């Protein structure tokens, strides 16, 4: 019986190592965005800022919106330390990282799902209504990447025809918020699993969002 299964709630009781893994992967992705941006020559400061925003930006936005201040990632030393570790990793072995991109893609999807469900859980604990908890979860998941895009002078990927990261975050947030009304522990796994599986399907079939009005970029 489901009622007899004791499953840890990953959203409200996220193991520290798992939360840090999500931060680490996002920090690595952020640093790589600096190194692979051929339109500008970012130095180590720029690369580090990208890593910091990708790793912690979503959590900053979440905590700011729900009034959880100082931000949780500033109360403990491990989060910033993890970002630094991500930066060092990219500086030292960035060529190796590109060879294990499937693994990075999987863990990045895991991080997206975790940030979304954790954001929803925090918003729910703050007493926000259903639709607002979904909004907080989505912003928590994609907010860091949007901040990096602003600094790069680019339009964020979530706003143009591309891989539907924002929609995946919305999906994971809705699943968690819906199932949490029944069992929050199962909701945590459901929300993260849906995002990871959906991300795999999107990548496998090269799914992209359509431009508004159905127009192509060249029109």
Protein backbone atom coordinates (compact mmCIF):
# COMPACT_ATOMS: atom_id res chain seq x y z
CA UNK A 1 0.00 0.00 0.00
CA UNK A 2 1.25 3.48 -0.83
CA UNK A 3 0.28 4.71 2.62
CA UNK A 4 2.82 2.27 4.12
CA UNK A 5 5.77 3.40 2.01
CA UNK A 6 8.06 5.87 3.74
CA UNK A 7 9.50 7.98 0.93
CA UNK A 8 11.64 11.05 1.73
CA UNK A 9 10.28 14.34 0.40
CA UNK A 10 13.09 15.57 -1.85
CA UNK A 11 11.52 19.01 -2.17
CA UNK A 12 11.20 19.93 1.50
CA UNK A 13 13.98 17.65 2.75
CA UNK A 14 16.46 17.71 -0.11
CA UNK A 15 19.68 15.89 0.82
CA UNK A 16 22.50 18.42 0.89
CA UNK A 17 24.57 16.44 -1.61
CA UNK A 18 21.69 16.38 -4.10
CA UNK A 19 21.04 20.10 -3.82
CA UNK A 20 24.75 20.80 -4.22
CA UNK A 21 24.88 18.51 -7.26
CA UNK A 22 22.17 20.61 -8.92
CA UNK A 23 24.08 23.80 -8.09
CA UNK A 24 27.35 22.28 -9.32
CA UNK A 25 25.94 21.21 -12.68
CA UNK A 26 24.32 24.58 -13.28
CA UNK A 27 27.56 26.33 -12.31
CA UNK A 28 29.47 24.20 -14.82
CA UNK A 29 26.90 25.00 -17.51
CA UNK A 30 27.15 28.70 -16.69
CA UNK A 31 30.93 28.70 -16.88
CA UNK A 32 30.82 26.83 -20.19
CA UNK A 33 28.49 29.49 -21.58
CA UNK A 34 31.24 32.01 -20.98
CA UNK A 35 33.92 29.90 -22.65
CA UNK A 36 31.78 28.98 -25.67
CA UNK A 37 30.42 32.47 -26.35
CA UNK A 38 32.30 33.36 -29.54
CA UNK A 39 30.69 36.78 -29.86
CA UNK A 40 32.65 38.13 -26.88
CA UNK A 41 35.88 37.29 -25.09
CA UNK A 42 34.86 36.80 -21.46
CA UNK A 43 37.65 36.68 -18.90
CA UNK A 44 37.72 34.56 -15.76
CA UNK A 45 35.61 37.14 -13.91
CA UNK A 46 32.89 36.95 -16.53
CA UNK A 47 32.99 33.15 -16.56
CA UNK A 48 32.77 33.11 -12.75
CA UNK A 49 29.79 35.48 -12.69
CA UNK A 50 27.97 33.27 -15.20
CA UNK A 51 28.65 30.22 -13.04
CA UNK A 52 27.44 32.04 -9.92
CA UNK A 53 24.22 33.20 -11.58
CA UNK A 54 23.47 29.81 -13.11
CA UNK A 55 24.22 27.97 -9.90
CA UNK A 56 22.52 30.25 -7.41
CA UNK A 57 20.42 32.71 -9.41
CA UNK A 58 17.24 30.65 -9.44
CA UNK A 59 17.40 30.17 -5.68
CA UNK A 60 18.02 33.89 -5.18
CA UNK A 61 14.91 34.72 -7.21
CA UNK A 62 12.83 32.17 -5.30
CA UNK A 63 13.92 33.38 -1.88
CA UNK A 64 13.47 37.03 -2.84
CA UNK A 65 9.92 36.49 -4.09
CA UNK A 66 8.80 34.56 -1.01
CA UNK A 67 10.68 36.78 1.45
CA UNK A 68 13.11 34.07 2.58
CA UNK A 69 16.01 36.40 3.33
CA UNK A 70 18.96 36.24 3.53
CA UNK A 71 18.82 33.73 0.68
CA UNK A 72 19.36 30.15 1.80
CA UNK A 73 22.49 29.77 -0.33
CA UNK A 74 24.09 32.65 1.59
CA UNK A 75 23.45 31.13 5.02
CA UNK A 76 25.75 28.16 4.41
CA UNK A 77 29.24 28.14 2.88
CA UNK A 78 28.70 25.02 0.81
CA UNK A 79 26.71 26.57 -2.03
CA UNK A 80 29.25 29.23 -2.99
CA UNK A 81 32.05 26.70 -2.47
CA UNK A 82 30.28 24.35 -4.86
CA UNK A 83 30.04 27.08 -7.49
CA UNK A 84 33.79 27.68 -7.14
CA UNK A 85 34.31 23.96 -7.65
CA UNK A 86 32.27 24.13 -10.84
CA UNK A 87 34.38 27.02 -12.11
CA UNK A 88 37.63 25.18 -11.38
CA UNK A 89 36.29 22.09 -13.13
CA UNK A 90 35.56 24.02 -16.32
CA UNK A 91 38.90 25.85 -16.26
CA UNK A 92 40.84 22.60 -15.87
CA UNK A 93 38.91 19.99 -17.86
CA UNK A 94 36.42 21.82 -20.08
CA UNK A 95 37.51 19.76 -23.12
CA UNK A 96 36.74 16.54 -21.28
CA UNK A 97 33.33 17.82 -20.21
CA UNK A 98 32.21 18.20 -23.80
CA UNK A 99 32.87 14.48 -24.34
CA UNK A 100 30.38 13.46 -21.64
CA UNK A 101 27.61 15.79 -22.75
CA UNK A 102 24.89 13.07 -22.46
CA UNK A 103 25.66 12.75 -18.76
CA UNK A 104 25.69 16.52 -18.34
CA UNK A 105 22.35 16.72 -20.17
CA UNK A 106 20.83 14.18 -17.78
CA UNK A 107 22.07 15.87 -14.62
CA UNK A 108 21.08 19.28 -16.03
CA UNK A 109 17.53 17.96 -16.48
CA UNK A 110 17.69 16.61 -12.93
CA UNK A 111 18.74 20.05 -11.70
CA UNK A 112 15.89 21.69 -13.64
CA UNK A 113 13.38 19.35 -12.02
CA UNK A 114 14.85 19.77 -8.56
CA UNK A 115 14.89 23.57 -8.70
CA UNK A 116 11.30 23.58 -9.98
CA UNK A 117 9.93 21.26 -7.28
CA UNK A 118 11.92 22.88 -4.48
CA UNK A 119 10.67 26.29 -5.60
CA UNK A 120 7.07 25.07 -5.52
CA UNK A 121 7.56 23.52 -2.09
CA UNK A 122 9.00 26.72 -0.62
CA UNK A 123 6.19 28.79 -2.15
CA UNK A 124 3.58 26.38 -0.80
CA UNK A 125 5.08 26.56 2.68
CA UNK A 126 4.79 30.35 2.42
CA UNK A 127 1.04 30.02 1.91
CA UNK A 128 0.90 31.06 -1.75
CA UNK A 129 -1.98 29.86 -3.96
CA UNK A 130 -1.53 27.02 -6.45
CA UNK A 131 -0.88 29.06 -9.59
CA UNK A 132 1.66 31.26 -7.81
CA UNK A 133 3.57 28.26 -6.49
CA UNK A 134 3.88 27.02 -10.09
CA UNK A 135 5.18 30.45 -11.10
CA UNK A 136 7.79 30.43 -8.33
CA UNK A 137 8.88 26.91 -9.26
CA UNK A 138 9.28 27.85 -12.91
CA UNK A 139 11.25 31.02 -12.17
CA UNK A 140 13.47 29.11 -9.76
CA UNK A 141 14.28 26.57 -12.47
CA UNK A 142 15.01 28.94 -15.37
CA UNK A 143 15.84 32.21 -13.60
CA UNK A 144 19.60 31.68 -13.44
CA UNK A 145 19.89 31.06 -17.16
CA UNK A 146 17.81 34.14 -17.92
CA UNK A 147 20.12 36.31 -15.80
CA UNK A 148 23.15 35.00 -17.68
CA UNK A 149 21.48 35.77 -21.01
CA UNK A 150 20.90 39.36 -19.89
CA UNK A 151 24.61 39.81 -19.13
CA UNK A 152 25.52 38.25 -22.47
CA UNK A 153 23.29 40.71 -24.26
CA UNK A 154 21.20 37.88 -25.67
CA UNK A 155 17.52 37.00 -25.68
CA UNK A 156 16.99 34.18 -23.22
CA UNK A 157 16.46 30.73 -24.72
CA UNK A 158 13.19 30.40 -22.82
CA UNK A 159 11.70 33.37 -24.69
CA UNK A 160 12.38 32.31 -28.29
CA UNK A 161 11.78 29.28 -30.50
CA UNK A 162 14.08 26.67 -28.93
CA UNK A 163 14.16 23.72 -26.54
CA UNK A 164 11.11 24.24 -24.28
CA UNK A 165 12.98 24.49 -20.97
CA UNK A 166 10.42 26.84 -19.44
CA UNK A 167 7.56 24.53 -20.41
CA UNK A 168 9.40 21.59 -18.85
CA UNK A 169 9.80 23.61 -15.65
CA UNK A 170 6.10 24.50 -15.73
CA UNK A 171 5.22 20.83 -16.24
CA UNK A 172 7.36 19.69 -13.33
CA UNK A 173 5.99 22.46 -11.11
CA UNK A 174 2.38 21.58 -11.94
CA UNK A 175 2.96 17.88 -11.32
CA UNK A 176 4.53 18.56 -7.93
CA UNK A 177 1.92 21.14 -6.89
CA UNK A 178 -0.92 18.82 -7.93
CA UNK A 179 0.35 15.59 -6.40
CA UNK A 180 1.58 17.36 -3.24
CA UNK A 181 -2.04 17.86 -2.22
CA UNK A 182 -2.20 14.08 -1.85
CA UNK A 183 1.34 12.95 -0.99
CA UNK A 184 4.20 15.46 -0.97
CA UNK A 185 6.84 12.72 -0.86
CA UNK A 186 5.60 11.05 -4.03
CA UNK A 187 5.10 14.49 -5.58
CA UNK A 188 8.81 15.20 -5.28
CA UNK A 189 9.81 12.13 -7.26
CA UNK A 190 6.97 12.64 -9.74
CA UNK A 191 7.90 16.24 -10.48
CA UNK A 192 11.59 15.52 -11.01
CA UNK A 193 10.96 12.31 -12.98
CA UNK A 194 8.53 14.03 -15.34
CA UNK A 195 11.08 16.73 -16.14
CA UNK A 196 13.92 14.25 -16.71
CA UNK A 197 11.81 11.99 -18.94
CA UNK A 198 10.31 14.90 -20.85
CA UNK A 199 13.78 16.38 -21.39
CA UNK A 200 14.97 13.06 -22.84
CA UNK A 201 11.99 12.93 -25.22
CA UNK A 202 12.53 16.55 -26.25
CA UNK A 203 16.22 15.94 -26.98
CA UNK A 204 15.61 12.63 -28.76
CA UNK A 205 13.01 14.06 -31.13
CA UNK A 206 14.64 17.51 -31.32
CA UNK A 207 11.45 19.23 -30.18
CA UNK A 208 11.42 23.03 -30.41
CA UNK A 209 8.82 25.60 -29.48
CA UNK A 210 7.16 27.31 -32.43
CA UNK A 211 7.47 31.05 -33.04
CA UNK A 212 4.39 33.08 -32.11
CA UNK A 213 1.98 33.13 -35.05
CA UNK A 214 3.72 30.12 -36.57
CA UNK A 215 6.24 32.29 -38.40
CA UNK A 216 9.80 31.16 -38.95
CA UNK A 217 12.76 33.28 -37.86
CA UNK A 218 13.50 34.25 -41.43
CA UNK A 219 10.03 35.67 -42.08
